[in-house]
Amino acid sequence: MYDSILVPTDGSREVERALEHAFGLANRHNATIRTLYVINAASYGGLQLETALEGIANALHGEGKAAVDRVEELAPTDVTVETTVRKGAPSQVIVDEAETTACDLVVMGTHGRGGIDRLLLGSVTERVVRRSPVPVLTVQVERDDIEEVPERSPVVIE
């Protein structure tokens, strides 16, 4: 049913909850995970110095590379992960990536904002759901849901 699953990431810990669902589906369907980090061009578009822009662009690309590399690290060994870092408007790039790479499903986290927060901040996930040519699975992610993983003592089997 699913051969290719697109999972956008912003590098945050909250995304890991969406990844759990995507990895489970990929494992069950022997699908490839395509993880995508979008450098939001609007975040540095107002700067005028070309050298400053280049430095910021390099830093943002490095941040994106670290985010997609983290997805590869978290993936189970039997799940194939392909990584991409692109620049542009996040929702548009995600929809374009889903179309051009023939993904069967997009799995995204959503913060579940409502009311004035959603109105003021917008929702990348909502725009992707409305415009995606493929189904979008949204996973509720909240910072409160993330538990710090305590350091474990090694288990000794005698």
C-alpha atoms as a PDB file:
ATOM      1  CA  MET A   1       0.000   0.000   0.000  1.00  0.00           C
ATOM      2  CA  TYR A   2       2.809   2.418   0.899  1.00  0.00           C
ATOM      3  CA  ASP A   3       6.133   2.339  -0.910  1.00  0.00           C
ATOM      4  CA  SER A   4       7.365   5.836  -0.087  1.00  0.00           C
ATOM      5  CA  ILE A   5       6.458   7.904   2.985  1.00  0.00           C
ATOM      6  CA  LEU A   6       7.403  11.580   3.204  1.00  0.00           C
ATOM      7  CA  VAL A   7       8.163  12.866   6.690  1.00  0.00           C
ATOM      8  CA  PRO A   8       8.955  16.581   6.934  1.00  0.00           C
ATOM      9  CA  THR A   9      11.082  17.516   9.941  1.00  0.00           C
ATOM     10  CA  ASP A  10      11.965  20.785  11.619  1.00  0.00           C
ATOM     11  CA  GLY A  11      14.593  19.125  13.762  1.00  0.00           C
ATOM     12  CA  SER A  12      12.577  19.397  16.967  1.00  0.00           C
ATOM     13  CA  ARG A  13      12.077  16.601  19.479  1.00  0.00           C
ATOM     14  CA  GLU A  14       8.332  16.844  18.909  1.00  0.00           C
ATOM     15  CA  VAL A  15       8.753  15.435  15.412  1.00  0.00           C
ATOM     16  CA  GLU A  16       9.966  12.171  16.910  1.00  0.00           C
ATOM     17  CA  ARG A  17       6.391  11.236  17.782  1.00  0.00           C
ATOM     18  CA  ALA A  18       5.387  11.527  14.117  1.00  0.00           C
ATOM     19  CA  LEU A  19       8.491   9.547  13.187  1.00  0.00           C
ATOM     20  CA  GLU A  20       7.402   6.669  15.421  1.00  0.00           C
ATOM     21  CA  HIS A  21       4.218   6.346  13.348  1.00  0.00           C
ATOM     22  CA  ALA A  22       6.084   6.704  10.054  1.00  0.00           C
ATOM     23  CA  PHE A  23       8.692   4.099  11.019  1.00  0.00           C
ATOM     24  CA  GLY A  24       5.946   1.680  12.060  1.00  0.00           C
ATOM     25  CA  LEU A  25       4.172   2.090   8.724  1.00  0.00           C
ATOM     26  CA  ALA A  26       7.428   1.831   6.779  1.00  0.00           C
ATOM     27  CA  ASN A  27       8.314  -1.347   8.620  1.00  0.00           C
ATOM     28  CA  ARG A  28       4.877  -2.881   8.069  1.00  0.00           C
ATOM     29  CA  HIS A  29       4.772  -1.998   4.345  1.00  0.00           C
ATOM     30  CA  ASN A  30       8.482  -2.278   3.557  1.00  0.00           C
ATOM     31  CA  ALA A  31       8.393   1.386   2.546  1.00  0.00           C
ATOM     32  CA  THR A  32      11.148   3.964   2.230  1.00  0.00           C
ATOM     33  CA  ILE A  33      11.078   7.027   4.477  1.00  0.00           C
ATOM     34  CA  ARG A  34      11.865  10.260   2.660  1.00  0.00           C
ATOM     35  CA  THR A  35      12.661  12.902   5.234  1.00  0.00           C
ATOM     36  CA  LEU A  36      12.625  16.557   4.259  1.00  0.00           C
ATOM     37  CA  TYR A  37      13.850  19.692   5.991  1.00  0.00           C
ATOM     38  CA  VAL A  38      12.719  22.976   4.451  1.00  0.00           C
ATOM     39  CA  ILE A  39      14.822  26.078   4.900  1.00  0.00           C
ATOM     40  CA  ASN A  40      12.180  28.769   5.138  1.00  0.00           C
ATOM     41  CA  ALA A  41      13.467  31.368   2.687  1.00  0.00           C
ATOM     42  CA  ALA A  42      11.325  34.026   4.378  1.00  0.00           C
ATOM     43  CA  SER A  43      13.374  33.656   7.553  1.00  0.00           C
ATOM     44  CA  TYR A  44      16.362  35.422   6.012  1.00  0.00           C
ATOM     45  CA  GLY A  45      14.894  37.130   2.950  1.00  0.00           C
ATOM     46  CA  GLY A  46      14.909  40.626   4.492  1.00  0.00           C
ATOM     47  CA  LEU A  47      18.680  40.820   4.944  1.00  0.00           C
ATOM     48  CA  GLN A  48      20.574  42.931   2.449  1.00  0.00           C
ATOM     49  CA  LEU A  49      24.226  41.987   2.775  1.00  0.00           C
ATOM     50  CA  GLU A  50      25.096  39.256   0.323  1.00  0.00           C
ATOM     51  CA  THR A  51      27.899  37.855   2.477  1.00  0.00           C
ATOM     52  CA  ALA A  52      25.595  37.791   5.520  1.00  0.00           C
ATOM     53  CA  LEU A  53      22.974  35.971   3.448  1.00  0.00           C
ATOM     54  CA  GLU A  54      25.488  33.378   2.346  1.00  0.00           C
ATOM     55  CA  GLY A  55      26.628  32.779   5.925  1.00  0.00           C
ATOM     56  CA  ILE A  56      23.059  32.489   7.175  1.00  0.00           C
ATOM     57  CA  ALA A  57      22.095  30.218   4.290  1.00  0.00           C
ATOM     58  CA  ASN A  58      25.051  27.933   5.086  1.00  0.00           C
ATOM     59  CA  ALA A  59      24.107  27.855   8.776  1.00  0.00           C
ATOM     60  CA  LEU A  60      20.478  27.057   7.958  1.00  0.00           C
ATOM     61  CA  HIS A  61      21.535  24.326   5.536  1.00  0.00           C
ATOM     62  CA  GLY A  62      23.738  22.846   8.262  1.00  0.00           C
ATOM     63  CA  GLU A  63      20.790  22.918  10.655  1.00  0.00           C
ATOM     64  CA  GLY A  64      18.660  21.129   8.062  1.00  0.00           C
ATOM     65  CA  LYS A  65      21.340  18.525   7.405  1.00  0.00           C
ATOM     66  CA  ALA A  66      21.580  17.843  11.143  1.00  0.00           C
ATOM     67  CA  ALA A  67      17.784  17.430  11.332  1.00  0.00           C
ATOM     68  CA  VAL A  68      17.560  14.882   8.511  1.00  0.00           C
ATOM     69  CA  ASP A  69      20.655  13.078   9.791  1.00  0.00           C
ATOM     70  CA  ARG A  70      18.885  12.739  13.155  1.00  0.00           C
ATOM     71  CA  VAL A  71      15.969  10.990  11.396  1.00  0.00           C
ATOM     72  CA  GLU A  72      18.446   8.527   9.884  1.00  0.00           C
ATOM     73  CA  GLU A  73      19.924   7.885  13.343  1.00  0.00           C
ATOM     74  CA  LEU A  74      16.490   7.221  14.853  1.00  0.00           C
ATOM     75  CA  ALA A  75      15.339   4.890  12.079  1.00  0.00           C
ATOM     76  CA  PRO A  76      15.221   1.172  12.743  1.00  0.00           C
ATOM     77  CA  THR A  77      17.971  -0.672  10.877  1.00  0.00           C
ATOM     78  CA  ASP A  78      15.469  -2.350   8.551  1.00  0.00           C
ATOM     79  CA  VAL A  79      13.928   0.963   7.364  1.00  0.00           C
ATOM     80  CA  THR A  80      15.539   2.787   4.445  1.00  0.00           C
ATOM     81  CA  VAL A  81      15.766   6.570   4.867  1.00  0.00           C
ATOM     82  CA  GLU A  82      16.439   9.093   2.104  1.00  0.00           C
ATOM     83  CA  THR A  83      17.185  12.687   3.123  1.00  0.00           C
ATOM     84  CA  THR A  84      16.579  16.017   1.429  1.00  0.00           C
ATOM     85  CA  VAL A  85      17.159  19.637   2.424  1.00  0.00           C
ATOM     86  CA  ARG A  86      15.380  22.225   0.273  1.00  0.00           C
ATOM     87  CA  LYS A  87      14.732  25.920   0.425  1.00  0.00           C
ATOM     88  CA  GLY A  88      11.387  27.715   0.027  1.00  0.00           C
ATOM     89  CA  ALA A  89       7.965  28.116   1.582  1.00  0.00           C
ATOM     90  CA  PRO A  90       7.575  25.020   3.804  1.00  0.00           C
ATOM     91  CA  SER A  91       4.048  23.963   2.855  1.00  0.00           C
ATOM     92  CA  GLN A  92       4.682  24.459  -0.878  1.00  0.00           C
ATOM     93  CA  VAL A  93       7.991  22.588  -0.800  1.00  0.00           C
ATOM     94  CA  ILE A  94       6.402  19.681   1.100  1.00  0.00           C
ATOM     95  CA  VAL A  95       3.548  19.419  -1.427  1.00  0.00           C
ATOM     96  CA  ASP A  96       6.019  19.696  -4.342  1.00  0.00           C
ATOM     97  CA  GLU A  97       8.205  16.991  -2.801  1.00  0.00           C
ATOM     98  CA  ALA A  98       5.211  14.680  -2.384  1.00  0.00           C
ATOM     99  CA  GLU A  99       4.278  15.207  -6.050  1.00  0.00           C
ATOM    100  CA  THR A 100       7.711  14.977  -7.632  1.00  0.00           C
ATOM    101  CA  THR A 101       8.927  11.953  -5.666  1.00  0.00           C
ATOM    102  CA  ALA A 102       5.717   9.931  -6.009  1.00  0.00           C
ATOM    103  CA  CYS A 103       5.212   9.555  -2.268  1.00  0.00           C
ATOM    104  CA  ASP A 104       2.191   7.544  -1.185  1.00  0.00           C
ATOM    105  CA  LEU A 105       1.716   9.238   2.186  1.00  0.00           C
ATOM    106  CA  VAL A 106       2.878  12.297   4.120  1.00  0.00           C
ATOM    107  CA  VAL A 107       3.270  11.927   7.898  1.00  0.00           C
ATOM    108  CA  MET A 108       3.455  15.207   9.808  1.00  0.00           C
ATOM    109  CA  GLY A 109       3.265  16.405  13.349  1.00  0.00           C
ATOM    110  CA  THR A 110       0.730  19.022  14.326  1.00  0.00           C
ATOM    111  CA  HIS A 111       0.767  21.160  17.429  1.00  0.00           C
ATOM    112  CA  GLY A 112      -3.014  21.374  17.556  1.00  0.00           C
ATOM    113  CA  ARG A 113      -3.094  25.138  17.875  1.00  0.00           C
ATOM    114  CA  GLY A 114      -6.476  26.693  17.540  1.00  0.00           C
ATOM    115  CA  GLY A 115      -8.155  30.055  17.565  1.00  0.00           C
ATOM    116  CA  ILE A 116      -5.969  33.150  17.438  1.00  0.00           C
ATOM    117  CA  ASP A 117      -2.678  31.182  17.560  1.00  0.00           C
ATOM    118  CA  ARG A 118      -3.544  29.317  14.367  1.00  0.00           C
ATOM    119  CA  LEU A 119      -4.839  32.488  12.761  1.00  0.00           C
ATOM    120  CA  LEU A 120      -1.688  34.450  13.555  1.00  0.00           C
ATOM    121  CA  LEU A 121       0.890  31.724  13.083  1.00  0.00           C
ATOM    122  CA  GLY A 122      -0.765  29.756  10.313  1.00  0.00           C
ATOM    123  CA  SER A 123      -0.277  26.059  10.047  1.00  0.00           C
ATOM    124  CA  VAL A 124       2.101  24.390   7.653  1.00  0.00           C
ATOM    125  CA  THR A 125       0.368  21.085   8.350  1.00  0.00           C
ATOM    126  CA  GLU A 126      -3.061  22.515   7.590  1.00  0.00           C
ATOM    127  CA  ARG A 127      -1.868  23.949   4.267  1.00  0.00           C
ATOM    128  CA  VAL A 128      -0.267  20.625   3.330  1.00  0.00           C
ATOM    129  CA  VAL A 129      -3.450  18.719   4.210  1.00  0.00           C
ATOM    130  CA  ARG A 130      -5.480  21.042   1.981  1.00  0.00           C
ATOM    131  CA  ARG A 131      -3.120  20.905  -1.012  1.00  0.00           C
ATOM    132  CA  SER A 132      -1.426  17.516  -0.906  1.00  0.00           C
ATOM    133  CA  PRO A 133      -2.113  15.146  -3.806  1.00  0.00           C
ATOM    134  CA  VAL A 134      -1.622  12.180  -1.425  1.00  0.00           C
ATOM    135  CA  PRO A 135      -3.095  11.328   1.982  1.00  0.00           C
ATOM    136  CA  VAL A 136      -1.621  13.135   4.987  1.00  0.00           C
ATOM    137  CA  LEU A 137      -1.435  11.456   8.380  1.00  0.00           C
ATOM    138  CA  THR A 138      -1.219  14.043  11.136  1.00  0.00           C
ATOM    139  CA  VAL A 139       0.154  13.139  14.540  1.00  0.00           C
ATOM    140  CA  GLN A 140      -0.590  15.335  17.532  1.00  0.00           C
ATOM    141  CA  VAL A 141       2.699  16.438  19.063  1.00  0.00           C
ATOM    142  CA  GLU A 142       3.038  18.497  22.173  1.00  0.00           C
ATOM    143  CA  ARG A 143       6.119  19.349  24.156  1.00  0.00           C
ATOM    144  CA  ASP A 144       4.426  18.070  27.343  1.00  0.00           C
ATOM    145  CA  ASP A 145       4.154  14.613  25.767  1.00  0.00           C
ATOM    146  CA  ILE A 146       7.903  14.243  25.471  1.00  0.00           C
ATOM    147  CA  GLU A 147       9.498  12.546  28.401  1.00  0.00           C
ATOM    148  CA  GLU A 148      13.179  12.877  29.025  1.00  0.00           C
ATOM    149  CA  VAL A 149      14.712   9.467  28.618  1.00  0.00           C
ATOM    150  CA  PRO A 150      16.514   8.603  31.826  1.00  0.00           C
ATOM    151  CA  GLU A 151      19.994   7.210  31.506  1.00  0.00           C
ATOM    152  CA  ARG A 152      19.798   3.465  31.844  1.00  0.00           C
ATOM    153  CA  SER A 153      22.219   1.239  33.629  1.00  0.00           C
ATOM    154  CA  PRO A 154      23.504  -1.617  31.518  1.00  0.00           C
ATOM    155  CA  VAL A 155      21.597  -4.836  31.945  1.00  0.00           C
ATOM    156  CA  VAL A 156      23.784  -7.689  33.067  1.00  0.00           C
ATOM    157  CA  ILE A 157      22.610 -11.171  32.185  1.00  0.00           C
ATOM    158  CA  GLU A 158      24.266 -13.929  34.140  1.00  0.00           C
END
